[in-house]
C-alpha cells in the first residue's frame, strides 16, 4: 500500500516523538561524531546547520566543533517565504522565531554556495529523497544555491524505502544517521 506524504509525515513524527531525551542525546552525539569524522565536514569552510526542534537530531555539539575550528557557521532564519542562513559566532545568539524555531539574531547573511548544508527532515531515502515539513523552504533555497553539499540528517528509523518526490523537491547528496553517512552521489 502506497502511503501519502501526509500519512508518512504523521507516522514518522509519532515514531520520533516516543524517543526519550536520553535516546535523542545519545543518537545525536553519534550522528555528530559520524559527521565530524567525514571529509564533507572536515573539508568544509562553511557549514550551515539548524537549531533542533522537539526530538530532531541535535547538531549543536557539531556546531560548537565547527566554531572551535573557525569554520564559518550559520543557521537558518525564515524571512517571509524564503529561508536564509546567518553566521553566528557563538551558540548563544538565538531568539525564538517562526514556527517556534530558534533563529540566529545575526544580520550577517551568508550563502551556502560551495558549503555544507545539514538538512533536517521527517523522512529520507538512500537515493537522496527528502520529505520535510511541507513548507518548501529548503527546496526553494537549494534552487537558488545548487552548488552546495546537502546532507540530510535523521535517525535510522526515518530512512524509508522511497520518499515520494515531486519535480521541485531537491535531492540530498547524502544522508547521515547513527549508522553512518549514506552517500548518494
N, C-alpha and C. Protein backbone atom coordinates (compact mmCIF):
# COMPACT_ATOMS: atom_id res chain seq x y z
N UNK A 1 0.83 -1.18 0.00
CA UNK A 1 0.00 0.00 0.00
C UNK A 1 0.88 1.25 0.00
N UNK A 2 0.62 2.16 -0.90
CA UNK A 2 1.38 3.39 -1.01
C UNK A 2 0.80 4.42 -0.04
N UNK A 3 1.68 4.99 0.77
CA UNK A 3 1.24 6.00 1.73
C UNK A 3 1.37 7.39 1.12
N UNK A 4 0.48 8.28 1.52
CA UNK A 4 0.58 9.67 1.09
C UNK A 4 1.65 10.36 1.92
N UNK A 5 2.09 11.54 1.43
CA UNK A 5 3.08 12.31 2.19
C UNK A 5 2.55 12.63 3.58
N UNK A 6 1.27 12.98 3.66
CA UNK A 6 0.67 13.31 4.95
C UNK A 6 0.74 12.13 5.91
N UNK A 7 0.45 10.92 5.42
CA UNK A 7 0.50 9.71 6.25
C UNK A 7 1.93 9.41 6.70
N UNK A 8 2.88 9.57 5.79
CA UNK A 8 4.29 9.32 6.13
C UNK A 8 4.75 10.31 7.19
N UNK A 9 4.43 11.59 6.99
CA UNK A 9 4.81 12.62 7.97
C UNK A 9 4.26 12.29 9.35
N UNK A 10 2.98 11.96 9.42
CA UNK A 10 2.33 11.66 10.69
C UNK A 10 2.98 10.44 11.34
N UNK A 11 3.20 9.39 10.58
CA UNK A 11 3.79 8.16 11.11
C UNK A 11 5.19 8.42 11.68
N UNK A 12 6.02 9.16 10.93
CA UNK A 12 7.39 9.38 11.39
C UNK A 12 7.46 10.39 12.52
N UNK A 13 6.56 11.37 12.55
CA UNK A 13 6.50 12.28 13.70
C UNK A 13 6.18 11.48 14.96
N UNK A 14 5.23 10.53 14.85
CA UNK A 14 4.86 9.71 16.01
C UNK A 14 6.02 8.83 16.45
N UNK A 15 6.70 8.19 15.50
CA UNK A 15 7.85 7.34 15.85
C UNK A 15 8.93 8.14 16.58
N UNK A 16 9.21 9.32 16.04
CA UNK A 16 10.27 10.16 16.63
C UNK A 16 9.85 10.68 17.99
N UNK A 17 8.57 10.96 18.18
CA UNK A 17 8.09 11.56 19.43
C UNK A 17 8.24 10.63 20.64
N UNK A 18 8.33 9.33 20.41
CA UNK A 18 8.45 8.41 21.54
C UNK A 18 9.89 8.20 22.01
N UNK A 19 10.85 8.80 21.30
CA UNK A 19 12.23 8.71 21.76
C UNK A 19 12.37 9.45 23.09
N UNK A 20 13.11 8.86 24.00
CA UNK A 20 13.37 9.52 25.27
C UNK A 20 14.43 10.61 25.05
N UNK A 21 14.53 11.52 26.00
CA UNK A 21 15.57 12.56 25.92
C UNK A 21 16.96 11.94 25.89
N UNK A 22 17.13 10.86 26.65
CA UNK A 22 18.42 10.16 26.68
C UNK A 22 18.73 9.55 25.31
N UNK A 23 17.73 8.94 24.66
CA UNK A 23 17.94 8.37 23.32
C UNK A 23 18.28 9.47 22.31
N UNK A 24 17.55 10.58 22.37
CA UNK A 24 17.83 11.70 21.46
C UNK A 24 19.26 12.18 21.65
N UNK A 25 19.68 12.35 22.90
CA UNK A 25 21.03 12.83 23.18
C UNK A 25 22.08 11.83 22.68
N UNK A 26 21.88 10.56 22.97
CA UNK A 26 22.85 9.53 22.57
C UNK A 26 22.95 9.39 21.05
N UNK A 27 21.79 9.29 20.39
CA UNK A 27 21.79 9.16 18.94
C UNK A 27 22.35 10.42 18.27
N UNK A 28 22.02 11.58 18.81
CA UNK A 28 22.52 12.84 18.26
C UNK A 28 24.04 12.92 18.38
N UNK A 29 24.58 12.51 19.52
CA UNK A 29 26.04 12.52 19.71
C UNK A 29 26.71 11.61 18.69
N UNK A 30 26.12 10.44 18.46
CA UNK A 30 26.68 9.51 17.48
C UNK A 30 26.66 10.12 16.08
N UNK A 31 25.55 10.76 15.72
CA UNK A 31 25.44 11.38 14.40
C UNK A 31 26.44 12.53 14.26
N UNK A 32 26.62 13.31 15.31
CA UNK A 32 27.64 14.38 15.29
C UNK A 32 29.03 13.79 15.07
N UNK A 33 29.34 12.67 15.75
CA UNK A 33 30.63 12.00 15.57
C UNK A 33 30.81 11.52 14.13
N UNK A 34 29.76 10.91 13.56
CA UNK A 34 29.80 10.44 12.18
C UNK A 34 30.16 11.59 11.25
N UNK A 35 29.48 12.71 11.44
CA UNK A 35 29.70 13.87 10.56
C UNK A 35 31.08 14.48 10.76
N UNK A 36 31.49 14.61 12.02
CA UNK A 36 32.77 15.26 12.30
C UNK A 36 33.94 14.48 11.72
N UNK A 37 33.81 13.17 11.61
CA UNK A 37 34.89 12.34 11.08
C UNK A 37 34.88 12.27 9.55
N UNK A 38 33.81 12.75 8.93
CA UNK A 38 33.66 12.64 7.47
C UNK A 38 34.34 13.82 6.76
N UNK A 39 34.88 13.53 5.58
CA UNK A 39 35.57 14.57 4.81
C UNK A 39 34.66 15.73 4.43
N UNK A 40 33.36 15.46 4.28
CA UNK A 40 32.46 16.57 3.91
C UNK A 40 32.47 17.66 4.97
N UNK A 41 32.61 17.28 6.24
CA UNK A 41 32.70 18.26 7.32
C UNK A 41 34.12 18.80 7.43
N UNK A 42 35.09 17.91 7.40
CA UNK A 42 36.48 18.31 7.59
C UNK A 42 36.94 19.29 6.52
N UNK A 43 36.49 19.11 5.28
CA UNK A 43 36.93 19.96 4.17
C UNK A 43 36.10 21.23 4.00
N UNK A 44 34.98 21.32 4.69
CA UNK A 44 34.10 22.48 4.51
C UNK A 44 34.61 23.68 5.29
N UNK A 45 34.63 24.83 4.62
CA UNK A 45 34.96 26.08 5.30
C UNK A 45 33.70 26.74 5.84
N UNK A 46 32.57 26.39 5.23
CA UNK A 46 31.28 27.00 5.56
C UNK A 46 30.29 25.88 5.87
N UNK A 47 29.69 25.94 7.08
CA UNK A 47 28.76 24.90 7.50
C UNK A 47 27.44 25.54 7.93
N UNK A 48 26.36 25.10 7.30
CA UNK A 48 25.02 25.59 7.62
C UNK A 48 24.28 24.47 8.34
N UNK A 49 23.82 24.77 9.56
CA UNK A 49 23.15 23.77 10.38
C UNK A 49 21.72 24.23 10.65
N UNK A 50 21.06 23.59 11.58
CA UNK A 50 19.74 24.01 12.02
C UNK A 50 19.68 23.86 13.53
N UNK A 51 18.81 24.62 14.16
CA UNK A 51 18.61 24.51 15.60
C UNK A 51 17.53 23.46 15.82
N UNK A 52 17.78 22.42 16.65
CA UNK A 52 16.81 21.32 16.77
C UNK A 52 15.49 21.77 17.40
N UNK A 53 14.44 21.21 16.87
CA UNK A 53 13.09 21.47 17.38
C UNK A 53 12.53 20.14 17.85
N UNK A 54 12.07 20.10 19.09
CA UNK A 54 11.49 18.86 19.62
C UNK A 54 12.52 17.74 19.67
N UNK A 55 12.20 16.62 19.04
CA UNK A 55 13.07 15.44 19.08
C UNK A 55 13.95 15.30 17.83
N UNK A 56 14.12 16.41 17.09
CA UNK A 56 15.03 16.36 15.94
C UNK A 56 16.45 16.06 16.42
N UNK A 57 17.26 15.53 15.50
CA UNK A 57 18.67 15.30 15.80
C UNK A 57 19.29 16.63 16.21
N UNK A 58 19.98 16.63 17.34
CA UNK A 58 20.62 17.82 17.88
C UNK A 58 22.06 17.91 17.38
N UNK A 59 22.31 18.87 16.50
CA UNK A 59 23.65 19.06 15.94
C UNK A 59 24.42 20.19 16.61
N UNK A 60 23.92 20.70 17.73
CA UNK A 60 24.61 21.81 18.40
C UNK A 60 26.04 21.44 18.82
N UNK A 61 26.32 20.20 19.27
CA UNK A 61 27.72 19.87 19.56
C UNK A 61 28.61 19.96 18.31
N UNK A 62 28.07 19.62 17.15
CA UNK A 62 28.82 19.74 15.91
C UNK A 62 29.04 21.21 15.56
N UNK A 63 28.04 22.04 15.83
CA UNK A 63 28.18 23.49 15.61
C UNK A 63 29.29 24.05 16.49
N UNK A 64 29.35 23.59 17.75
CA UNK A 64 30.43 24.02 18.65
C UNK A 64 31.79 23.64 18.10
N UNK A 65 31.88 22.41 17.56
CA UNK A 65 33.14 21.95 16.98
C UNK A 65 33.50 22.79 15.77
N UNK A 66 32.53 23.12 14.94
CA UNK A 66 32.78 23.95 13.76
C UNK A 66 33.28 25.33 14.16
N UNK A 67 32.65 25.91 15.17
CA UNK A 67 33.08 27.23 15.66
C UNK A 67 34.51 27.16 16.21
N UNK A 68 34.81 26.10 16.96
CA UNK A 68 36.15 25.93 17.54
C UNK A 68 37.21 25.79 16.43
N UNK A 69 36.80 25.20 15.30
CA UNK A 69 37.71 25.05 14.16
C UNK A 69 37.74 26.29 13.27
N UNK A 70 37.04 27.33 13.70
CA UNK A 70 36.97 28.60 12.98
C UNK A 70 36.33 28.48 11.60
N UNK A 71 35.40 27.54 11.48
CA UNK A 71 34.64 27.42 10.24
C UNK A 71 33.51 28.44 10.27
N UNK A 72 33.15 28.96 9.12
CA UNK A 72 32.02 29.86 9.02
C UNK A 72 30.78 29.01 9.35
N UNK A 73 30.08 29.37 10.42
CA UNK A 73 28.98 28.55 10.94
C UNK A 73 27.70 29.37 10.89
N UNK A 74 26.66 28.79 10.27
CA UNK A 74 25.43 29.56 10.07
C UNK A 74 24.20 28.71 10.37
N UNK A 75 23.12 29.41 10.71
CA UNK A 75 21.82 28.79 11.00
C UNK A 75 20.74 29.51 10.19
N UNK A 76 19.63 28.83 9.92
CA UNK A 76 18.60 29.43 9.09
C UNK A 76 17.65 30.35 9.86
N UNK A 77 17.13 31.31 9.10
CA UNK A 77 16.05 32.16 9.59
C UNK A 77 15.09 32.35 8.42
N UNK A 78 13.80 32.26 8.71
CA UNK A 78 12.78 32.44 7.68
C UNK A 78 12.45 33.93 7.56
N UNK A 79 12.52 34.42 6.32
CA UNK A 79 12.14 35.80 6.00
C UNK A 79 11.02 35.72 4.98
N UNK A 80 9.78 35.88 5.42
CA UNK A 80 8.64 35.75 4.52
C UNK A 80 8.52 34.31 4.04
N UNK A 81 8.66 34.10 2.73
CA UNK A 81 8.57 32.74 2.19
C UNK A 81 9.94 32.15 1.89
N UNK A 82 10.99 32.89 2.26
CA UNK A 82 12.35 32.43 1.96
C UNK A 82 13.14 32.11 3.22
N UNK A 83 14.03 31.16 3.08
CA UNK A 83 14.95 30.77 4.13
C UNK A 83 16.30 31.37 3.78
N UNK A 84 16.98 31.94 4.76
CA UNK A 84 18.33 32.46 4.59
C UNK A 84 19.18 31.96 5.75
N UNK A 85 20.49 31.88 5.54
CA UNK A 85 21.40 31.46 6.60
C UNK A 85 22.18 32.67 7.10
N UNK A 86 22.35 32.73 8.43
CA UNK A 86 23.06 33.83 9.07
C UNK A 86 24.19 33.28 9.93
N UNK A 87 25.35 33.89 9.79
CA UNK A 87 26.53 33.43 10.52
C UNK A 87 26.40 33.75 12.00
N UNK A 88 26.85 32.81 12.83
CA UNK A 88 26.91 33.03 14.28
C UNK A 88 28.35 32.88 14.74
N UNK A 89 28.66 33.56 15.85
CA UNK A 89 29.99 33.47 16.47
C UNK A 89 29.95 32.58 17.71
N UNK A 90 28.76 32.48 18.31
CA UNK A 90 28.56 31.63 19.49
C UNK A 90 27.18 30.99 19.41
N UNK A 91 26.93 30.03 20.27
CA UNK A 91 25.62 29.36 20.27
C UNK A 91 24.64 30.03 21.24
N UNK A 92 24.94 31.26 21.63
CA UNK A 92 24.01 31.99 22.50
C UNK A 92 23.28 33.10 21.73
N UNK A 93 23.48 33.16 20.42
CA UNK A 93 22.95 34.25 19.60
C UNK A 93 21.62 33.88 18.92
N UNK A 94 20.64 33.38 19.69
CA UNK A 94 19.39 32.93 19.09
C UNK A 94 18.18 33.50 19.82
N UNK A 95 17.09 33.67 19.09
CA UNK A 95 15.79 34.04 19.65
C UNK A 95 14.73 33.14 19.01
N UNK A 96 13.62 32.98 19.70
CA UNK A 96 12.55 32.16 19.13
C UNK A 96 11.92 32.90 17.96
N UNK A 97 11.80 32.19 16.84
CA UNK A 97 11.28 32.80 15.62
C UNK A 97 10.10 32.04 15.06
N UNK A 98 10.03 32.02 13.75
CA UNK A 98 8.94 31.39 13.02
C UNK A 98 8.76 29.93 13.43
N UNK A 99 7.51 29.52 13.63
CA UNK A 99 7.15 28.15 13.97
C UNK A 99 7.78 27.68 15.29
N UNK A 100 8.20 28.62 16.16
CA UNK A 100 8.80 28.25 17.43
C UNK A 100 10.24 27.82 17.33
N UNK A 101 10.84 27.94 16.15
CA UNK A 101 12.22 27.53 15.92
C UNK A 101 13.16 28.63 16.40
N UNK A 102 14.23 28.24 17.05
CA UNK A 102 15.26 29.19 17.46
C UNK A 102 16.02 29.66 16.22
N UNK A 103 16.12 30.98 16.06
CA UNK A 103 16.76 31.56 14.88
C UNK A 103 17.89 32.49 15.31
N UNK A 104 18.93 32.62 14.48
CA UNK A 104 20.05 33.50 14.82
C UNK A 104 19.63 34.96 14.80
N UNK A 105 20.18 35.75 15.71
CA UNK A 105 19.90 37.19 15.73
C UNK A 105 20.83 37.95 14.80
N UNK A 106 21.87 37.32 14.33
CA UNK A 106 22.87 37.95 13.47
C UNK A 106 22.23 38.55 12.22
N UNK A 107 22.84 39.62 11.73
CA UNK A 107 22.39 40.21 10.47
C UNK A 107 23.37 39.88 9.35
N UNK A 108 24.36 39.02 9.66
CA UNK A 108 25.38 38.67 8.68
C UNK A 108 24.93 37.46 7.85
N UNK A 109 24.20 37.75 6.77
CA UNK A 109 23.68 36.70 5.90
C UNK A 109 24.82 36.11 5.08
N UNK A 110 24.82 34.79 4.94
CA UNK A 110 25.80 34.14 4.07
C UNK A 110 25.08 33.19 3.13
N UNK A 111 25.71 32.95 2.02
CA UNK A 111 25.19 31.99 1.05
C UNK A 111 25.83 30.64 1.34
N UNK A 112 25.08 29.59 1.14
CA UNK A 112 25.61 28.24 1.35
C UNK A 112 26.37 27.74 0.13
N UNK A 113 26.46 28.58 -0.90
CA UNK A 113 27.15 28.19 -2.12
C UNK A 113 28.53 27.63 -1.79
N UNK A 114 28.82 26.46 -2.29
CA UNK A 114 30.09 25.75 -2.07
C UNK A 114 30.32 25.41 -0.59
N UNK A 115 29.27 25.37 0.20
CA UNK A 115 29.39 25.00 1.61
C UNK A 115 28.68 23.67 1.87
N UNK A 116 28.65 23.31 3.13
CA UNK A 116 27.98 22.09 3.58
C UNK A 116 26.70 22.51 4.29
N UNK A 117 25.57 21.96 3.85
CA UNK A 117 24.29 22.25 4.49
C UNK A 117 23.75 20.96 5.10
N UNK A 118 23.52 20.99 6.40
CA UNK A 118 22.97 19.85 7.12
C UNK A 118 21.47 20.10 7.28
N UNK A 119 20.67 19.22 6.68
CA UNK A 119 19.25 19.49 6.44
C UNK A 119 18.35 18.59 7.29
N UNK A 120 17.47 19.20 8.08
CA UNK A 120 16.52 18.37 8.85
C UNK A 120 15.41 17.85 7.93
N UNK A 121 14.71 16.84 8.41
CA UNK A 121 13.59 16.32 7.64
C UNK A 121 12.88 15.24 8.43
N UNK A 122 11.73 14.86 7.94
CA UNK A 122 10.96 13.79 8.59
C UNK A 122 11.28 12.42 8.01
N UNK A 123 11.60 12.38 6.71
CA UNK A 123 11.91 11.11 6.05
C UNK A 123 12.94 11.35 4.96
N UNK A 124 13.80 10.35 4.77
CA UNK A 124 14.79 10.37 3.71
C UNK A 124 14.85 8.97 3.12
N UNK A 125 15.38 8.87 1.91
CA UNK A 125 15.70 7.55 1.36
C UNK A 125 17.14 7.57 0.89
N UNK A 126 17.66 6.40 0.53
CA UNK A 126 19.09 6.30 0.19
C UNK A 126 19.37 6.77 -1.24
N UNK A 127 18.36 7.29 -1.93
CA UNK A 127 18.57 7.89 -3.25
C UNK A 127 18.55 9.42 -3.15
N UNK A 128 18.55 9.95 -1.92
CA UNK A 128 18.59 11.39 -1.72
C UNK A 128 17.23 12.04 -1.60
N UNK A 129 16.18 11.26 -1.64
CA UNK A 129 14.84 11.83 -1.47
C UNK A 129 14.67 12.35 -0.04
N UNK A 130 13.99 13.49 0.08
CA UNK A 130 13.77 14.11 1.39
C UNK A 130 12.33 14.56 1.50
N UNK A 131 11.77 14.30 2.67
CA UNK A 131 10.46 14.84 2.99
C UNK A 131 10.61 15.72 4.22
N UNK A 132 10.38 17.01 4.01
CA UNK A 132 10.47 17.96 5.11
C UNK A 132 9.11 18.10 5.78
N UNK A 133 8.84 19.32 6.20
CA UNK A 133 7.60 19.58 6.93
C UNK A 133 6.50 20.15 6.04
N UNK A 134 6.77 20.26 4.74
CA UNK A 134 5.73 20.62 3.80
C UNK A 134 5.67 22.07 3.38
N UNK A 135 6.59 22.89 3.85
CA UNK A 135 6.56 24.31 3.51
C UNK A 135 7.47 24.67 2.33
N UNK A 136 8.42 23.80 1.99
CA UNK A 136 9.27 24.00 0.83
C UNK A 136 10.41 24.99 0.98
N UNK A 137 10.70 25.42 2.21
CA UNK A 137 11.75 26.42 2.40
C UNK A 137 13.11 25.95 1.88
N UNK A 138 13.51 24.73 2.26
CA UNK A 138 14.82 24.24 1.84
C UNK A 138 14.86 24.01 0.33
N UNK A 139 13.79 23.47 -0.27
CA UNK A 139 13.76 23.26 -1.71
C UNK A 139 13.94 24.58 -2.47
N UNK A 140 13.26 25.62 -2.02
CA UNK A 140 13.41 26.93 -2.67
C UNK A 140 14.84 27.46 -2.48
N UNK A 141 15.40 27.25 -1.29
CA UNK A 141 16.76 27.70 -1.03
C UNK A 141 17.75 27.00 -1.96
N UNK A 142 17.63 25.67 -2.06
CA UNK A 142 18.56 24.91 -2.90
C UNK A 142 18.39 25.22 -4.39
N UNK A 143 17.21 25.63 -4.80
CA UNK A 143 17.01 26.05 -6.19
C UNK A 143 17.83 27.31 -6.47
N UNK A 144 18.00 28.17 -5.45
CA UNK A 144 18.79 29.39 -5.61
C UNK A 144 20.29 29.12 -5.48
N UNK A 145 20.66 28.14 -4.67
CA UNK A 145 22.07 27.84 -4.39
C UNK A 145 22.35 26.35 -4.62
N UNK A 146 22.38 25.92 -5.87
CA UNK A 146 22.55 24.49 -6.13
C UNK A 146 23.97 23.97 -5.85
N UNK A 147 24.94 24.86 -5.78
CA UNK A 147 26.33 24.43 -5.60
C UNK A 147 26.72 24.31 -4.13
N UNK A 148 25.98 23.52 -3.41
CA UNK A 148 26.35 23.23 -2.02
C UNK A 148 26.19 21.73 -1.82
N UNK A 149 26.83 21.23 -0.79
CA UNK A 149 26.70 19.81 -0.45
C UNK A 149 25.57 19.69 0.56
N UNK A 150 24.54 18.94 0.21
CA UNK A 150 23.32 18.81 1.01
C UNK A 150 23.29 17.44 1.68
N UNK A 151 23.39 17.43 3.00
CA UNK A 151 23.36 16.17 3.74
C UNK A 151 22.10 16.16 4.63
N UNK A 152 21.23 15.21 4.38
CA UNK A 152 20.04 15.05 5.21
C UNK A 152 20.43 14.46 6.55
N UNK A 153 19.74 14.90 7.60
CA UNK A 153 20.05 14.45 8.96
C UNK A 153 18.80 13.81 9.55
N UNK A 154 18.94 12.56 10.00
CA UNK A 154 17.80 11.88 10.62
C UNK A 154 18.28 10.67 11.41
N UNK A 155 17.35 10.09 12.14
CA UNK A 155 17.61 8.81 12.81
C UNK A 155 17.39 7.71 11.77
N UNK A 156 18.06 6.60 11.96
CA UNK A 156 17.94 5.47 11.02
C UNK A 156 16.47 5.09 10.81
N UNK A 157 15.64 5.19 11.85
CA UNK A 157 14.23 4.82 11.73
C UNK A 157 13.46 5.74 10.78
N UNK A 158 14.05 6.89 10.40
CA UNK A 158 13.41 7.81 9.49
C UNK A 158 13.79 7.56 8.03
N UNK A 159 14.67 6.60 7.81
CA UNK A 159 15.01 6.20 6.44
C UNK A 159 13.91 5.27 5.95
N UNK A 160 13.32 5.60 4.83
CA UNK A 160 12.27 4.75 4.27
C UNK A 160 12.70 4.30 2.88
N UNK A 161 12.02 3.31 2.33
CA UNK A 161 12.46 2.75 1.05
C UNK A 161 12.38 3.76 -0.09
N UNK A 162 11.33 4.58 -0.12
CA UNK A 162 11.18 5.55 -1.20
C UNK A 162 10.36 6.74 -0.72
N UNK A 163 10.98 7.92 -0.75
CA UNK A 163 10.26 9.15 -0.41
C UNK A 163 9.52 9.60 -1.67
N UNK A 164 8.22 9.84 -1.57
CA UNK A 164 7.51 10.36 -2.74
C UNK A 164 7.98 11.79 -3.01
N UNK A 165 8.58 12.00 -4.18
CA UNK A 165 9.15 13.30 -4.52
C UNK A 165 8.41 13.92 -5.70
N UNK A 166 8.22 15.23 -5.61
CA UNK A 166 7.66 16.00 -6.71
C UNK A 166 8.81 16.61 -7.50
N UNK A 167 8.50 17.19 -8.64
CA UNK A 167 9.53 17.74 -9.52
C UNK A 167 10.37 18.82 -8.84
N UNK A 168 9.77 19.62 -7.96
CA UNK A 168 10.50 20.71 -7.30
C UNK A 168 11.32 20.25 -6.10
N UNK A 169 11.14 19.01 -5.66
CA UNK A 169 11.87 18.51 -4.49
C UNK A 169 13.34 18.29 -4.84
N UNK A 170 14.22 18.87 -4.04
CA UNK A 170 15.66 18.77 -4.28
C UNK A 170 16.22 17.56 -3.54
N UNK A 171 17.00 16.77 -4.24
CA UNK A 171 17.60 15.57 -3.65
C UNK A 171 18.84 15.93 -2.84
N UNK A 172 19.08 15.14 -1.80
CA UNK A 172 20.26 15.29 -0.96
C UNK A 172 21.45 14.60 -1.62
N UNK A 173 22.66 15.01 -1.22
CA UNK A 173 23.88 14.36 -1.70
C UNK A 173 24.26 13.20 -0.79
N UNK A 174 23.66 13.14 0.37
CA UNK A 174 23.91 12.07 1.32
C UNK A 174 22.94 12.20 2.48
N UNK A 175 22.89 11.15 3.29
CA UNK A 175 22.02 11.15 4.47
C UNK A 175 22.82 10.59 5.64
N UNK A 176 22.88 11.35 6.74
CA UNK A 176 23.62 10.91 7.92
C UNK A 176 22.65 10.44 8.99
N UNK A 177 22.93 9.24 9.52
CA UNK A 177 22.18 8.68 10.64
C UNK A 177 23.20 8.15 11.65
N UNK A 178 22.69 7.57 12.73
CA UNK A 178 23.59 6.98 13.71
C UNK A 178 24.34 5.76 13.15
N UNK A 179 23.90 5.24 11.99
CA UNK A 179 24.57 4.10 11.36
C UNK A 179 25.70 4.52 10.41
N UNK A 180 25.80 5.83 10.14
CA UNK A 180 26.84 6.32 9.25
C UNK A 180 26.29 7.29 8.22
N UNK A 181 27.16 7.66 7.28
CA UNK A 181 26.76 8.57 6.22
C UNK A 181 26.50 7.76 4.95
N UNK A 182 25.27 7.81 4.50
CA UNK A 182 24.86 7.12 3.28
C UNK A 182 25.05 8.09 2.11
N UNK A 183 26.11 7.91 1.33
CA UNK A 183 26.35 8.76 0.17
C UNK A 183 25.41 8.36 -0.95
N UNK A 184 24.91 9.35 -1.67
CA UNK A 184 24.03 9.06 -2.80
C UNK A 184 24.52 9.71 -4.08
N UNK A 185 25.75 10.17 -4.08
CA UNK A 185 26.30 10.91 -5.23
C UNK A 185 26.06 10.16 -6.51
